[in-house]
Amino acid sequence: MKLLKVKEKLEKKQIKKRGIKKEYKNNVNSKGNDLKIIGITGSRGKSTTAVMIHNYLKSLGYKSTLYSSVMVDSPASHLKKNEAYEVAVRDEESLISIIEEAEAYGADYLVLEVNESTLAKGFLKDVPFDVRVLTNLNPKHNLEQYSEEQYVELKKSFFKDIEDDCKCVIGFQDYDKELLDELLKVNKYPKFICASNYIATVKGIESEKVTCLLTGLDTDITGMKLQFKMNGNTHKLETNLIMSYNALNILTALTTLEVLDVLDVNKFEQSLEKLVIPGRAEVYRVNGRLIVVDTHLPAMLDCLKVLKEQGKVNKIKVVVGSMGYGYKHWEERFKTQEFASQRKEVRKYAMDLLIGIADYVYLTESDSGKENPINICEEMKSYLSDEVSSTIIVDREEAIKQAILDSEEGDVVFISGRGNRRILCNSETTMKLLKDSDVVKKILKCIKWN
């Protein structure tokens, strides 16, 4: 078994494991060393890229298991599909459970999303990944927890000190050529770059060195049309996924599948037709409106701004809240006064982004924890001043409903921040279950919009 070394090391620690579904308990993985393991890290796009790869592999008839922050899809696991798990590979307990679940299912592929907190703990070091993927790398992505240097080193660590043969896919977008050169030299294994022709040209990368090169992109509210070069051939691809930043996620998925020698561009395009990434640019097109559920405020605002400037959307209405601090079950670092102070900086930054782009803002709750959600909303409103019209509706479901009802044909309602998460921590000791996409569906059914 390919993961035997890792499994034996973990079992010696007598780590508690999740149970396996009854129907899979006595299964033995007959695949042996044929299991392919794909690890995906990066600043953005990890979940989307992982889901795309997993969905395509399943469409070809392979047994693929997925563990990502937006969803887990592993038939032998008791974890519910299409639910957010924040950090799917959180600790050694999670890892040995994932190994046993993949074994029991007899998986051909194991697709793992790997975030920085997982890398910092170091327990993935012995996992023999066949492909290691970096979607992109923005040194400023997580300044609340890491300095730029610490963050970059964490991401680079995924590609260092590798004992087992592997291939490395490198998405090139948010960082400079010098860092790319470092990544290309960080280990002895083959590297495959994916990037847009624009980025490659601006940052001085010869297009011939790019495995998957985006040469054309057209976006509107119905989706995207991409043109790209791979292995000397030009391909075209259409998808109903919106937002231009998803283009690089598509390139990264295509490159990974090419490296695995399973890529058929036409079949990949077909696999995207009805694909929904839970809580990631999740779109509802109703009554001439566009309702979008997504976690990434800056990236989504950039895309919506372009669509508005092109006359493809009218007004942009944003539903947004802010995390507080101090919920009893959060990690200790989320309970400190230092973290509380950082939240104020993040809130001001977020509100500054809205100025000049959003036409109306609905301020609401979002994991307020120990803080009073009304106080958080009033603080955010003060940063908006009179530059953007806004209203405070603390109940998140009511805020989403009001934004939808206030919208007109051609408008966008962007529900920001929580993505696919269901648990909302609304005091120091309490929580409630509320998932934005479920709320949208409930409201649309109630008001009978098709």
Protein backbone atom coordinates (compact mmCIF):
# COMPACT_ATOMS: atom_id res chain seq x y z
CA MET A 1 0.00 0.00 0.00
CA LYS A 2 1.44 3.34 -1.09
CA LEU A 3 0.54 5.05 2.19
CA LEU A 4 1.73 2.18 4.40
CA LYS A 5 4.72 4.12 5.79
CA VAL A 6 2.53 7.07 6.79
CA LYS A 7 -0.16 4.83 8.21
CA GLU A 8 2.24 2.77 10.32
CA LYS A 9 3.84 5.91 11.78
CA LEU A 10 0.43 7.33 12.73
CA GLU A 11 -0.83 4.04 14.16
CA LYS A 12 2.18 3.88 16.51
CA LYS A 13 0.88 7.09 18.06
CA GLN A 14 -2.47 5.37 18.72
CA ILE A 15 -4.32 8.28 17.18
CA LYS A 16 -8.08 8.21 17.41
CA LYS A 17 -9.76 7.72 14.03
CA ARG A 18 -13.14 8.40 12.50
CA GLY A 19 -15.33 5.39 11.90
CA ILE A 20 -15.81 4.04 8.36
CA LYS A 21 -19.27 3.44 6.91
CA LYS A 22 -20.48 -0.06 7.69
CA GLU A 23 -20.69 -1.19 4.07
CA TYR A 24 -16.98 -0.42 3.53
CA LYS A 25 -15.51 -1.68 6.81
CA ASN A 26 -14.26 -5.03 5.52
CA ASN A 27 -13.02 -3.75 2.17
CA VAL A 28 -9.39 -4.16 1.21
CA ASN A 29 -7.84 -1.74 -1.27
CA SER A 30 -6.98 -3.89 -4.27
CA LYS A 31 -5.39 -0.91 -6.04
CA GLY A 32 -2.16 -1.26 -4.07
CA ASN A 33 0.41 1.23 -5.26
CA ASP A 34 -1.83 2.45 -8.09
CA LEU A 35 -3.45 5.10 -5.89
CA LYS A 36 -2.55 8.58 -7.17
CA ILE A 37 -2.39 11.37 -4.58
CA ILE A 38 -2.82 15.03 -5.58
CA GLY A 39 -2.05 17.79 -3.07
CA ILE A 40 -3.23 21.32 -3.80
CA THR A 41 -2.07 24.43 -1.97
CA GLY A 42 -2.01 28.16 -2.78
CA SER A 43 -3.45 31.49 -1.69
CA ARG A 44 -6.69 31.23 -3.66
CA GLY A 45 -8.38 28.68 -5.87
CA LYS A 46 -7.42 25.57 -3.90
CA SER A 47 -10.98 24.37 -3.37
CA THR A 48 -12.19 25.23 -6.86
CA THR A 49 -9.22 23.53 -8.52
CA ALA A 50 -9.59 20.46 -6.31
CA VAL A 51 -13.31 20.11 -7.07
CA MET A 52 -12.71 20.54 -10.83
CA ILE A 53 -10.05 17.80 -10.85
CA HIS A 54 -12.13 15.45 -8.70
CA ASN A 55 -15.28 16.00 -10.75
CA TYR A 56 -13.44 15.32 -14.02
CA LEU A 57 -11.83 12.13 -12.72
CA LYS A 58 -15.22 10.86 -11.59
CA SER A 59 -16.71 11.70 -14.99
CA LEU A 60 -14.13 9.36 -16.57
CA GLY A 61 -15.24 6.55 -14.28
CA TYR A 62 -12.35 6.67 -11.81
CA LYS A 63 -12.90 6.24 -8.09
CA SER A 64 -11.82 9.61 -6.76
CA THR A 65 -12.04 10.85 -3.18
CA LEU A 66 -11.95 14.57 -2.33
CA TYR A 67 -11.14 16.38 0.91
CA SER A 68 -11.43 20.16 0.59
CA SER A 69 -12.66 23.07 2.67
CA VAL A 70 -15.84 23.47 0.62
CA MET A 71 -16.80 19.80 0.52
CA VAL A 72 -15.75 16.23 1.18
CA ASP A 73 -16.68 13.49 -1.28
CA SER A 74 -15.54 10.15 0.08
CA PRO A 75 -18.08 7.31 -0.04
CA ALA A 76 -16.53 5.40 2.89
CA SER A 77 -16.58 8.47 5.15
CA HIS A 78 -19.34 9.55 7.50
CA LEU A 79 -18.56 13.21 6.67
CA LYS A 80 -21.45 14.76 4.78
CA LYS A 81 -20.93 15.67 1.15
CA ASN A 82 -21.33 19.35 0.10
CA GLU A 83 -20.66 20.67 3.60
CA ALA A 84 -17.80 23.01 4.48
CA TYR A 85 -15.07 21.58 6.71
CA GLU A 86 -12.84 24.69 6.92
CA VAL A 87 -9.62 22.61 7.14
CA ALA A 88 -10.30 19.16 5.74
CA VAL A 89 -6.84 17.82 6.64
CA ARG A 90 -6.70 19.43 10.07
CA ASP A 91 -4.46 17.05 12.02
CA GLU A 92 -3.00 13.55 12.19
CA GLU A 93 -6.38 12.13 13.21
CA SER A 94 -7.87 13.52 9.99
CA LEU A 95 -4.98 12.19 7.92
CA ILE A 96 -5.13 8.58 9.13
CA SER A 97 -8.93 8.65 8.77
CA ILE A 98 -8.57 9.89 5.17
CA ILE A 99 -6.06 7.13 4.41
CA GLU A 100 -8.34 4.41 5.77
CA GLU A 101 -11.39 5.83 4.02
CA ALA A 102 -9.54 5.91 0.68
CA GLU A 103 -8.34 2.33 1.27
CA ALA A 104 -11.81 1.09 2.14
CA TYR A 105 -13.32 2.68 -0.96
CA GLY A 106 -10.58 1.31 -3.19
CA ALA A 107 -9.86 4.78 -4.54
CA ASP A 108 -7.89 5.41 -7.74
CA TYR A 109 -7.28 9.04 -6.78
CA LEU A 110 -7.06 10.99 -3.55
CA VAL A 111 -7.40 14.78 -3.96
CA LEU A 112 -6.35 16.82 -0.90
CA GLU A 113 -6.62 20.56 -0.34
CA VAL A 114 -3.66 21.66 1.76
CA ASN A 115 -3.81 25.00 3.58
CA GLU A 116 -1.08 26.86 5.43
CA SER A 117 -2.10 25.72 8.93
CA THR A 118 -1.79 22.11 7.79
CA LEU A 119 1.64 22.81 6.30
CA ALA A 120 2.75 24.53 9.52
CA LYS A 121 2.00 21.38 11.54
CA GLY A 122 4.27 19.31 9.29
CA PHE A 123 2.39 15.99 9.42
CA LEU A 124 2.05 15.72 5.63
CA LYS A 125 5.81 15.39 5.19
CA ASP A 126 5.73 11.63 4.58
CA VAL A 127 2.70 11.60 2.27
CA PRO A 128 3.92 10.46 -1.19
CA PHE A 129 2.07 12.96 -3.38
CA ASP A 130 2.19 12.12 -7.09
CA VAL A 131 1.40 15.71 -8.02
CA ARG A 132 1.99 18.79 -5.86
CA VAL A 133 0.04 21.85 -7.01
CA LEU A 134 0.42 25.55 -6.24
CA THR A 135 -2.61 27.44 -7.56
CA ASN A 136 -1.05 30.87 -6.94
CA LEU A 137 0.91 32.66 -4.24
CA ASN A 138 0.14 36.07 -2.79
CA PRO A 139 2.61 36.88 0.02
CA LYS A 140 0.09 39.29 1.59
CA HIS A 141 -2.73 36.76 1.66
CA ASN A 142 -2.75 35.98 5.39
CA LEU A 143 -1.09 38.87 7.22
CA GLU A 144 -3.29 38.26 10.27
CA GLN A 145 -1.35 35.07 11.02
CA TYR A 146 1.94 35.25 9.12
CA SER A 147 4.44 37.78 7.85
CA GLU A 148 4.97 37.79 4.09
CA GLU A 149 8.21 35.87 4.50
CA GLN A 150 6.67 33.26 6.81
CA TYR A 151 3.73 32.74 4.49
CA VAL A 152 5.91 32.27 1.39
CA GLU A 153 8.19 29.84 3.23
CA LEU A 154 5.19 27.78 4.37
CA LYS A 155 3.95 27.41 0.80
CA LYS A 156 7.44 26.64 -0.48
CA SER A 157 7.80 23.97 2.21
CA PHE A 158 5.23 21.83 0.37
CA PHE A 159 7.78 21.47 -2.43
CA LYS A 160 10.90 20.98 -0.28
CA ASP A 161 12.66 17.86 1.08
CA ILE A 162 10.63 15.47 -1.07
CA GLU A 163 11.73 11.83 -0.97
CA ASP A 164 9.20 10.27 -3.37
CA ASP A 165 9.04 10.99 -7.10
CA CYS A 166 6.46 13.59 -7.98
CA LYS A 167 5.54 16.28 -10.47
CA CYS A 168 4.93 19.91 -9.56
CA VAL A 169 2.32 22.21 -11.09
CA ILE A 170 3.00 25.91 -10.52
CA GLY A 171 0.34 28.57 -11.09
CA PHE A 172 1.97 31.91 -11.84
CA GLN A 173 -0.05 35.06 -11.16
CA ASP A 174 0.29 37.07 -7.94
CA TYR A 175 4.04 36.98 -7.35
CA ASP A 176 7.24 38.05 -9.12
CA LYS A 177 9.60 36.19 -11.45
CA GLU A 178 12.29 35.93 -8.77
CA LEU A 179 9.98 33.89 -6.55
CA LEU A 180 8.96 31.75 -9.52
CA ASP A 181 12.64 31.04 -10.18
CA GLU A 182 13.04 29.97 -6.55
CA LEU A 183 10.07 27.61 -6.83
CA LEU A 184 11.45 26.09 -10.01
CA LYS A 185 14.71 25.27 -8.19
CA VAL A 186 13.25 24.14 -4.86
CA ASN A 187 13.43 20.43 -5.75
CA LYS A 188 14.76 18.15 -8.50
CA TYR A 189 11.40 17.04 -9.85
CA PRO A 190 9.66 18.20 -13.08
CA LYS A 191 7.81 21.55 -12.96
CA PHE A 192 4.85 22.56 -15.11
CA ILE A 193 3.84 26.24 -15.23
CA CYS A 194 0.38 27.60 -15.99
CA ALA A 195 -0.20 31.32 -16.54
CA SER A 196 -1.88 33.87 -18.76
CA ASN A 197 0.00 35.29 -21.73
CA TYR A 198 -0.45 38.75 -20.21
CA ILE A 199 1.20 37.80 -16.91
CA ALA A 200 3.96 35.86 -18.65
CA THR A 201 4.74 38.87 -20.87
CA VAL A 202 4.58 41.50 -18.11
CA LYS A 203 6.71 39.45 -15.72
CA GLY A 204 9.24 38.30 -18.29
CA ILE A 205 8.52 34.60 -18.70
CA GLU A 206 9.09 33.06 -22.12
CA SER A 207 5.76 31.64 -23.30
CA GLU A 208 7.53 28.47 -24.48
CA LYS A 209 8.31 27.66 -20.84
CA VAL A 210 4.61 27.75 -19.87
CA THR A 211 2.88 24.37 -20.09
CA CYS A 212 -0.63 25.80 -20.20
CA LEU A 213 -0.83 29.40 -21.49
CA LEU A 214 -4.07 31.41 -21.50
CA THR A 215 -4.14 33.38 -24.76
CA GLY A 216 -7.73 34.63 -24.79
CA LEU A 217 -10.52 35.25 -22.30
CA ASP A 218 -14.01 36.68 -22.71
CA THR A 219 -16.25 36.98 -19.64
CA ASP A 220 -19.82 38.08 -19.04
CA ILE A 221 -22.65 37.15 -16.70
CA THR A 222 -23.33 33.90 -18.57
CA GLY A 223 -19.83 32.50 -18.17
CA MET A 224 -16.40 32.50 -19.79
CA LYS A 225 -14.79 31.61 -23.12
CA LEU A 226 -11.14 30.63 -22.85
CA GLN A 227 -8.45 30.06 -25.43
CA PHE A 228 -5.22 28.41 -24.33
CA LYS A 229 -2.11 26.71 -25.67
CA MET A 230 -0.87 23.39 -24.38
CA ASN A 231 1.79 21.14 -25.89
CA GLY A 232 1.91 23.26 -29.03
CA ASN A 233 -1.84 23.00 -29.64
CA THR A 234 -4.45 25.75 -29.31
CA HIS A 235 -7.70 24.85 -27.56
CA LYS A 236 -10.96 26.65 -26.89
CA LEU A 237 -13.22 26.02 -23.92
CA GLU A 238 -16.52 27.46 -22.70
CA THR A 239 -17.94 27.30 -19.19
CA ASN A 240 -20.85 28.77 -17.27
CA LEU A 241 -18.46 29.48 -14.37
CA ILE A 242 -18.13 33.23 -14.02
CA MET A 243 -15.44 35.58 -12.73
CA SER A 244 -12.12 35.92 -14.51
CA TYR A 245 -10.04 34.60 -11.60
CA ASN A 246 -11.59 31.18 -12.27
CA ALA A 247 -9.70 31.12 -15.57
CA LEU A 248 -6.41 30.40 -13.76
CA ASN A 249 -8.12 27.74 -11.66
CA ILE A 250 -9.21 26.07 -14.90
CA LEU A 251 -5.65 26.29 -16.29
CA THR A 252 -4.28 24.74 -13.10
CA ALA A 253 -6.78 21.88 -13.23
CA LEU A 254 -6.03 21.30 -16.94
CA THR A 255 -2.27 21.23 -16.30
CA THR A 256 -2.63 18.81 -13.39
CA LEU A 257 -4.77 16.43 -15.44
CA GLU A 258 -2.30 16.65 -18.32
CA VAL A 259 0.54 15.78 -15.93
CA LEU A 260 -1.50 12.77 -14.78
CA ASP A 261 -1.93 11.79 -18.45
CA VAL A 262 -5.72 11.67 -18.24
CA LEU A 263 -6.67 14.95 -19.95
CA ASP A 264 -9.19 15.13 -22.77
CA VAL A 265 -10.07 18.81 -23.25
CA ASN A 266 -13.50 18.10 -24.70
CA LYS A 267 -14.41 15.78 -21.84
CA PHE A 268 -13.06 18.32 -19.36
CA GLU A 269 -15.30 20.99 -20.88
CA GLN A 270 -18.27 18.64 -20.56
CA SER A 271 -17.42 18.00 -16.91
CA LEU A 272 -17.70 21.76 -16.23
CA GLU A 273 -21.20 22.09 -17.73
CA LYS A 274 -23.19 21.61 -14.54
CA LEU A 275 -20.39 22.02 -12.05
CA VAL A 276 -21.16 24.07 -8.94
CA ILE A 277 -18.37 24.88 -6.49
CA PRO A 278 -20.20 25.24 -3.15
CA GLY A 279 -19.76 28.78 -1.84
CA ARG A 280 -17.24 29.75 -4.53
CA ALA A 281 -18.71 32.08 -7.15
CA GLU A 282 -21.94 30.11 -6.70
CA VAL A 283 -24.37 31.83 -9.05
CA TYR A 284 -28.15 32.10 -9.25
CA ARG A 285 -29.54 33.75 -12.41
CA VAL A 286 -33.15 34.74 -11.70
CA ASN A 287 -35.54 37.40 -13.01
CA GLY A 288 -32.74 39.21 -14.79
CA ARG A 289 -30.65 39.38 -11.60
CA LEU A 290 -27.35 37.76 -10.71
CA ILE A 291 -27.08 36.48 -7.14
CA VAL A 292 -23.55 35.39 -6.18
CA VAL A 293 -22.38 33.57 -3.04
CA ASP A 294 -18.62 33.74 -2.53
CA THR A 295 -15.99 34.05 0.19
CA HIS A 296 -13.46 36.35 -1.48
CA LEU A 297 -14.50 39.99 -1.25
CA PRO A 298 -11.50 41.62 -3.04
CA ALA A 299 -11.34 39.23 -6.02
CA MET A 300 -15.09 39.21 -6.56
CA LEU A 301 -15.34 43.00 -6.34
CA ASP A 302 -12.61 43.34 -8.96
CA CYS A 303 -14.54 41.09 -11.35
CA LEU A 304 -17.87 42.80 -10.70
CA LYS A 305 -16.26 46.21 -11.22
CA VAL A 306 -15.08 45.14 -14.68
CA LEU A 307 -18.51 43.75 -15.58
CA LYS A 308 -20.10 47.02 -14.47
CA GLU A 309 -17.63 49.14 -16.46
CA GLN A 310 -18.42 47.02 -19.51
CA GLY A 311 -22.12 47.68 -19.02
CA LYS A 312 -22.88 44.02 -18.39
CA VAL A 313 -24.40 44.65 -14.95
CA ASN A 314 -26.19 47.62 -13.41
CA LYS A 315 -26.04 48.14 -9.65
CA ILE A 316 -23.93 46.08 -7.28
CA LYS A 317 -25.53 45.32 -3.92
CA VAL A 318 -23.32 43.64 -1.31
CA VAL A 319 -24.30 41.70 1.82
CA VAL A 320 -21.31 41.61 4.17
CA GLY A 321 -20.44 40.95 7.81
CA SER A 322 -17.27 40.52 9.82
CA MET A 323 -15.87 37.87 12.11
CA GLY A 324 -15.49 38.86 15.75
CA TYR A 325 -13.33 37.14 18.36
CA GLY A 326 -13.60 34.95 21.43
CA TYR A 327 -16.02 32.09 20.62
CA LYS A 328 -15.32 29.38 23.24
CA HIS A 329 -14.39 26.58 20.80
CA TRP A 330 -12.17 28.66 18.52
CA GLU A 331 -8.38 28.31 18.64
CA GLU A 332 -6.70 30.43 21.31
CA ARG A 333 -5.29 32.89 18.76
CA PHE A 334 -8.88 33.89 17.87
CA LYS A 335 -9.57 34.88 21.48
CA THR A 336 -6.85 37.48 22.03
CA GLN A 337 -7.05 41.25 22.14
CA GLU A 338 -4.38 41.32 19.45
CA PHE A 339 -6.69 39.41 17.15
CA ALA A 340 -9.58 41.75 18.06
CA SER A 341 -7.43 44.73 17.05
CA GLN A 342 -6.51 43.06 13.78
CA ARG A 343 -10.20 42.57 13.02
CA LYS A 344 -10.70 46.34 13.08
CA GLU A 345 -7.97 46.75 10.47
CA VAL A 346 -9.53 44.03 8.31
CA ARG A 347 -12.98 45.64 8.56
CA LYS A 348 -11.68 49.03 7.48
CA TYR A 349 -9.81 47.42 4.58
CA ALA A 350 -12.98 45.60 3.46
CA MET A 351 -15.14 48.71 3.64
CA ASP A 352 -12.52 50.72 1.73
CA LEU A 353 -12.74 48.13 -1.04
CA LEU A 354 -16.50 48.63 -1.29
CA ILE A 355 -16.21 52.39 -1.79
CA GLY A 356 -16.38 53.19 -5.48
CA ILE A 357 -17.65 49.73 -6.47
CA ALA A 358 -20.72 48.87 -4.39
CA ASP A 359 -23.92 50.84 -4.90
CA TYR A 360 -25.53 49.65 -1.69
CA VAL A 361 -24.27 47.63 1.29
CA TYR A 362 -26.25 45.49 3.74
CA LEU A 363 -24.23 45.12 6.96
CA THR A 364 -25.00 41.98 8.91
CA GLU A 365 -23.73 39.26 11.27
CA SER A 366 -20.94 36.81 10.50
CA ASP A 367 -19.39 34.79 13.35
CA SER A 368 -19.40 37.69 15.80
CA GLY A 369 -18.28 35.48 18.69
CA LYS A 370 -17.77 37.49 21.88
CA GLU A 371 -18.38 40.82 20.13
CA ASN A 372 -21.81 42.38 19.78
CA PRO A 373 -22.79 42.06 16.08
CA ILE A 374 -24.54 45.44 16.19
CA ASN A 375 -21.31 47.08 17.31
CA ILE A 376 -19.41 45.35 14.50
CA CYS A 377 -21.96 46.54 11.94
CA GLU A 378 -21.89 50.11 13.27
CA GLU A 379 -18.11 50.10 13.11
CA MET A 380 -18.18 48.98 9.47
CA LYS A 381 -20.82 51.58 8.66
CA SER A 382 -18.57 54.32 10.10
CA TYR A 383 -15.81 53.32 7.67
CA LEU A 384 -18.21 53.64 4.75
CA SER A 385 -19.18 57.11 5.98
CA ASP A 386 -21.50 58.73 3.44
CA GLU A 387 -19.59 57.42 0.42
CA VAL A 388 -21.73 54.30 0.04
CA SER A 389 -25.37 53.95 1.06
CA SER A 390 -25.82 51.20 3.62
CA THR A 391 -28.18 49.73 6.16
CA ILE A 392 -27.72 47.46 9.17
CA ILE A 393 -29.80 44.28 9.31
CA VAL A 394 -28.19 42.09 11.95
CA ASP A 395 -30.16 38.93 11.12
CA ARG A 396 -28.21 37.54 8.15
CA GLU A 397 -31.15 35.75 6.59
CA GLU A 398 -33.21 38.95 6.66
CA ALA A 399 -30.31 40.94 5.20
CA ILE A 400 -30.00 38.54 2.27
CA LYS A 401 -33.75 38.62 1.73
CA GLN A 402 -33.89 42.42 1.73
CA ALA A 403 -30.99 42.69 -0.71
CA ILE A 404 -32.72 40.35 -3.13
CA LEU A 405 -36.07 42.13 -2.81
CA ASP A 406 -34.41 45.53 -3.33
CA SER A 407 -32.63 44.40 -6.49
CA GLU A 408 -33.80 45.29 -9.98
CA GLU A 409 -33.29 43.72 -13.37
CA GLY A 410 -29.62 43.85 -14.35
CA ASP A 411 -28.40 44.13 -10.75
CA VAL A 412 -25.95 41.89 -8.91
CA VAL A 413 -26.50 40.79 -5.31
CA PHE A 414 -23.16 39.64 -3.91
CA ILE A 415 -23.40 37.71 -0.62
CA SER A 416 -19.89 37.83 0.75
CA GLY A 417 -17.70 36.17 3.32
CA ARG A 418 -19.11 32.84 4.49
CA GLY A 419 -19.10 30.76 1.33
CA ASN A 420 -20.30 27.24 2.09
CA ARG A 421 -20.04 27.38 5.88
CA ARG A 422 -23.16 26.40 7.83
CA ILE A 423 -22.19 27.08 11.46
CA LEU A 424 -22.46 30.74 12.49
CA CYS A 425 -21.05 31.54 15.94
CA ASN A 426 -23.30 34.36 17.13
CA SER A 427 -22.05 34.81 20.71
CA GLU A 428 -19.25 33.62 22.98
CA THR A 429 -21.12 30.40 23.76
CA THR A 430 -23.83 29.92 21.10
CA MET A 431 -24.12 29.21 17.41
CA LYS A 432 -26.81 28.72 14.80
CA LEU A 433 -27.02 26.85 11.50
CA LEU A 434 -27.23 29.10 8.47
CA LYS A 435 -25.76 28.53 5.02
CA ASP A 436 -25.99 31.42 2.54
CA SER A 437 -26.84 29.27 -0.49
CA ASP A 438 -29.67 27.55 1.41
CA VAL A 439 -31.01 30.94 2.44
CA VAL A 440 -30.98 32.14 -1.19
CA LYS A 441 -32.84 29.04 -2.39
CA LYS A 442 -35.41 29.40 0.39
CA ILE A 443 -36.05 33.07 -0.43
CA LEU A 444 -36.32 32.47 -4.19
CA LYS A 445 -38.84 29.70 -3.57
CA CYS A 446 -40.81 31.88 -1.17
CA ILE A 447 -41.06 34.84 -3.57
CA LYS A 448 -41.60 32.47 -6.53
CA TRP A 449 -38.74 33.72 -8.67
CA ASN A 450 -37.57 31.34 -11.38
